[in-house]
Protein backbone atom coordinates (compact mmCIF):
# COMPACT_ATOMS: atom_id res chain seq x y z
CA UNK A 1 37.58 121.19 -50.63
CA UNK A 2 39.39 118.97 -48.13
CA UNK A 3 39.54 115.24 -48.88
CA UNK A 4 38.81 113.76 -45.46
CA UNK A 5 38.37 110.24 -46.85
CA UNK A 6 41.82 110.18 -48.45
CA UNK A 7 43.71 111.79 -45.58
CA UNK A 8 45.95 109.86 -43.22
CA UNK A 9 44.79 109.69 -39.59
CA UNK A 10 47.62 111.95 -38.42
CA UNK A 11 46.65 114.56 -41.04
CA UNK A 12 43.06 114.49 -39.78
CA UNK A 13 44.35 114.87 -36.24
CA UNK A 14 46.48 117.88 -37.24
CA UNK A 15 43.54 119.49 -39.05
CA UNK A 16 41.39 118.99 -35.96
CA UNK A 17 44.05 120.56 -33.74
CA UNK A 18 44.12 123.51 -36.17
CA UNK A 19 40.38 124.00 -35.57
CA UNK A 20 38.67 121.75 -38.14
CA UNK A 21 35.94 119.89 -36.21
CA UNK A 22 34.92 117.90 -39.30
CA UNK A 23 38.39 116.35 -39.39
CA UNK A 24 37.83 114.89 -35.91
CA UNK A 25 34.49 113.49 -37.05
CA UNK A 26 36.19 111.88 -40.05
CA UNK A 27 38.90 110.45 -37.80
CA UNK A 28 36.26 109.07 -35.43
CA UNK A 29 34.26 107.55 -38.31
CA UNK A 30 37.35 105.85 -39.67
CA UNK A 31 38.91 104.47 -36.48
CA UNK A 32 36.06 103.99 -34.01
CA UNK A 33 34.45 100.83 -35.51
CA UNK A 34 37.63 98.76 -35.22
CA UNK A 35 38.48 100.17 -31.81
CA UNK A 36 34.94 99.53 -30.56
CA UNK A 37 35.05 95.89 -31.75
CA UNK A 38 38.40 95.44 -30.01
CA UNK A 39 37.04 96.89 -26.77
CA UNK A 40 33.84 94.85 -26.88
CA UNK A 41 35.85 91.68 -27.40
CA UNK A 42 38.36 92.56 -24.70
CA UNK A 43 35.84 93.68 -22.09
CA UNK A 44 33.04 91.29 -23.03
CA UNK A 45 30.62 94.15 -22.44
CA UNK A 46 29.30 96.37 -25.24
CA UNK A 47 28.17 99.17 -22.93
CA UNK A 48 31.53 99.39 -21.18
CA UNK A 49 33.22 99.27 -24.60
CA UNK A 50 31.21 102.34 -25.65
CA UNK A 51 32.26 104.15 -22.48
CA UNK A 52 35.95 103.37 -23.02
CA UNK A 53 35.67 104.37 -26.69
CA UNK A 54 34.32 107.79 -25.73
CA UNK A 55 36.97 108.21 -23.02
CA UNK A 56 39.69 107.30 -25.50
CA UNK A 57 38.60 109.74 -28.20
CA UNK A 58 38.13 112.43 -25.54
CA UNK A 59 41.74 111.92 -24.52
CA UNK A 60 42.77 112.15 -28.18
CA UNK A 61 40.95 115.46 -28.53
CA UNK A 62 42.85 116.81 -25.51
CA UNK A 63 46.22 115.34 -26.52
CA UNK A 64 49.17 116.91 -28.28
CA UNK A 65 50.67 114.15 -30.41
CA UNK A 66 53.87 114.95 -32.23
CA UNK A 67 54.65 113.97 -35.80
CA UNK A 68 56.26 110.71 -34.77
CA UNK A 69 53.05 109.57 -33.11
CA UNK A 70 50.84 107.08 -34.86
CA UNK A 71 47.25 107.99 -34.10
CA UNK A 72 45.84 104.47 -34.44
CA UNK A 73 48.53 102.92 -32.23
CA UNK A 74 48.09 105.72 -29.72
CA UNK A 75 44.32 105.14 -29.58
CA UNK A 76 44.72 101.40 -29.05
CA UNK A 77 47.34 101.98 -26.34
CA UNK A 78 45.13 104.45 -24.47
CA UNK A 79 42.07 102.19 -24.83
CA UNK A 80 44.03 99.17 -23.62
CA UNK A 81 45.30 101.12 -20.62
CA UNK A 82 41.71 102.16 -19.84
CA UNK A 83 40.74 98.47 -19.94
CA UNK A 84 43.59 97.52 -17.61
CA UNK A 85 42.46 100.24 -15.22
CA UNK A 86 38.91 98.90 -15.33
CA UNK A 87 40.12 95.31 -14.81
CA UNK A 88 42.11 96.38 -11.74
CA UNK A 89 39.13 98.22 -10.23
CA UNK A 90 36.75 95.35 -10.91
CA UNK A 91 38.86 92.27 -10.18
CA UNK A 92 36.26 90.85 -7.85
CA UNK A 93 33.57 91.05 -10.52
CA UNK A 94 33.23 88.41 -13.18
CA UNK A 95 33.41 89.65 -16.71
CA UNK A 96 30.36 89.16 -18.86
CA UNK A 97 29.61 85.54 -19.70
CA UNK A 98 29.67 86.36 -23.38
CA UNK A 99 28.54 88.74 -26.02
CA UNK A 100 24.81 89.39 -26.29
CA UNK A 101 22.89 87.52 -28.91
CA UNK A 102 23.16 89.29 -32.27
CA UNK A 103 19.98 90.57 -33.84
CA UNK A 104 20.99 89.71 -37.39
CA UNK A 105 19.52 86.21 -37.32
CA UNK A 106 22.74 84.21 -36.96
CA UNK A 107 22.03 80.54 -36.32
CA UNK A 108 21.96 79.65 -32.62
CA UNK A 109 24.89 77.24 -33.11
CA UNK A 110 27.14 80.16 -34.13
CA UNK A 111 25.94 82.26 -31.21
CA UNK A 112 26.69 79.47 -28.76
CA UNK A 113 30.15 78.95 -30.27
CA UNK A 114 30.89 82.69 -30.10
CA UNK A 115 29.68 82.94 -26.49
CA UNK A 116 31.75 79.91 -25.49
CA UNK A 117 34.85 81.40 -27.09
CA UNK A 118 34.21 84.75 -25.38
CA UNK A 119 34.00 82.92 -22.03
CA UNK A 120 37.35 81.28 -22.76
CA UNK A 121 38.87 84.65 -23.69
CA UNK A 122 37.52 86.09 -20.45
CA UNK A 123 39.29 83.26 -18.63
CA UNK A 124 42.69 84.41 -19.86
CA UNK A 125 44.82 86.82 -17.85
CA UNK A 126 44.36 90.35 -19.21
CA UNK A 127 47.90 90.50 -20.61
CA UNK A 128 47.33 87.38 -22.70
CA UNK A 129 43.80 88.29 -23.71
CA UNK A 130 44.92 91.66 -25.08
CA UNK A 131 47.54 90.20 -27.43
CA UNK A 132 45.20 87.44 -28.67
CA UNK A 133 42.43 89.93 -29.43
CA UNK A 134 44.79 92.40 -31.12
CA UNK A 135 46.28 89.64 -33.28
CA UNK A 136 43.24 87.64 -34.31
CA UNK A 137 40.42 90.17 -34.21
CA UNK A 138 42.23 93.40 -35.06
CA UNK A 139 44.73 91.60 -37.33
CA UNK A 140 47.71 93.59 -36.07
CA UNK A 141 51.23 92.28 -36.59
CA UNK A 142 53.35 91.36 -33.61
CA UNK A 143 55.36 94.54 -34.15
CA UNK A 144 52.18 96.66 -34.18
CA UNK A 145 51.00 94.95 -30.99
CA UNK A 146 54.34 95.74 -29.35
CA UNK A 147 53.94 99.40 -30.36
CA UNK A 148 50.34 99.58 -29.12
CA UNK A 149 51.20 98.04 -25.77
CA UNK A 150 54.60 99.68 -25.42
CA UNK A 151 56.32 96.36 -24.71
CA UNK A 152 59.16 94.45 -26.39
CA UNK A 153 58.39 92.22 -29.38
CA UNK A 154 59.63 89.16 -27.47
CA UNK A 155 57.11 89.82 -24.71
CA UNK A 156 54.29 89.95 -27.27
CA UNK A 157 55.39 86.59 -28.71
CA UNK A 158 55.68 85.05 -25.26
CA UNK A 159 52.24 86.28 -24.20
CA UNK A 160 50.74 85.05 -27.47
CA UNK A 161 52.32 81.62 -27.03
CA UNK A 162 51.08 81.33 -23.45
CA UNK A 163 47.62 82.68 -24.31
CA UNK A 164 47.12 80.23 -27.19
CA UNK A 165 48.38 77.37 -25.04
CA UNK A 166 45.81 78.24 -22.35
CA UNK A 167 43.03 78.52 -24.93
CA UNK A 168 43.90 75.07 -26.31
CA UNK A 169 43.77 73.65 -22.78
CA UNK A 170 40.35 75.22 -22.21
CA UNK A 171 39.04 73.84 -25.50
CA UNK A 172 40.04 70.30 -24.49
CA UNK A 173 37.90 70.49 -21.34
């Protein structure tokens, strides 16, 4: 019996490519919640996040990653590129004002705070927003962010510095 829960993401990917559909399901179950949360935060739209999530995993199913490839980093890179593409196509549209009100009974004060912060995130340039969300919501290291985005480590640090500076300025207003 195959241990899907204990397998590394790349092993699951290889098993899927060898014809094991359950391995892809296990890979999706393991990586989709974090990727979905990242996309929802980045896009400010849960429905669009679901669409990009499906597009991203569809691309994974059609891909041919080699052994050096990190599946999680690859997924985040593809998802981020899909977001950039969407941002470019929809520049004239405003992003969502905030995340919809949760149904779990959170106090209104927390909902307002979360919506206000989402509005501030939406006010950042996409390049800054991506690094802030990857760092503080996905808890990736700067090196992991650089790998996901395919940019130098120094660029990640610079974008983070600028993004946090802009957020501080928005909070003072």
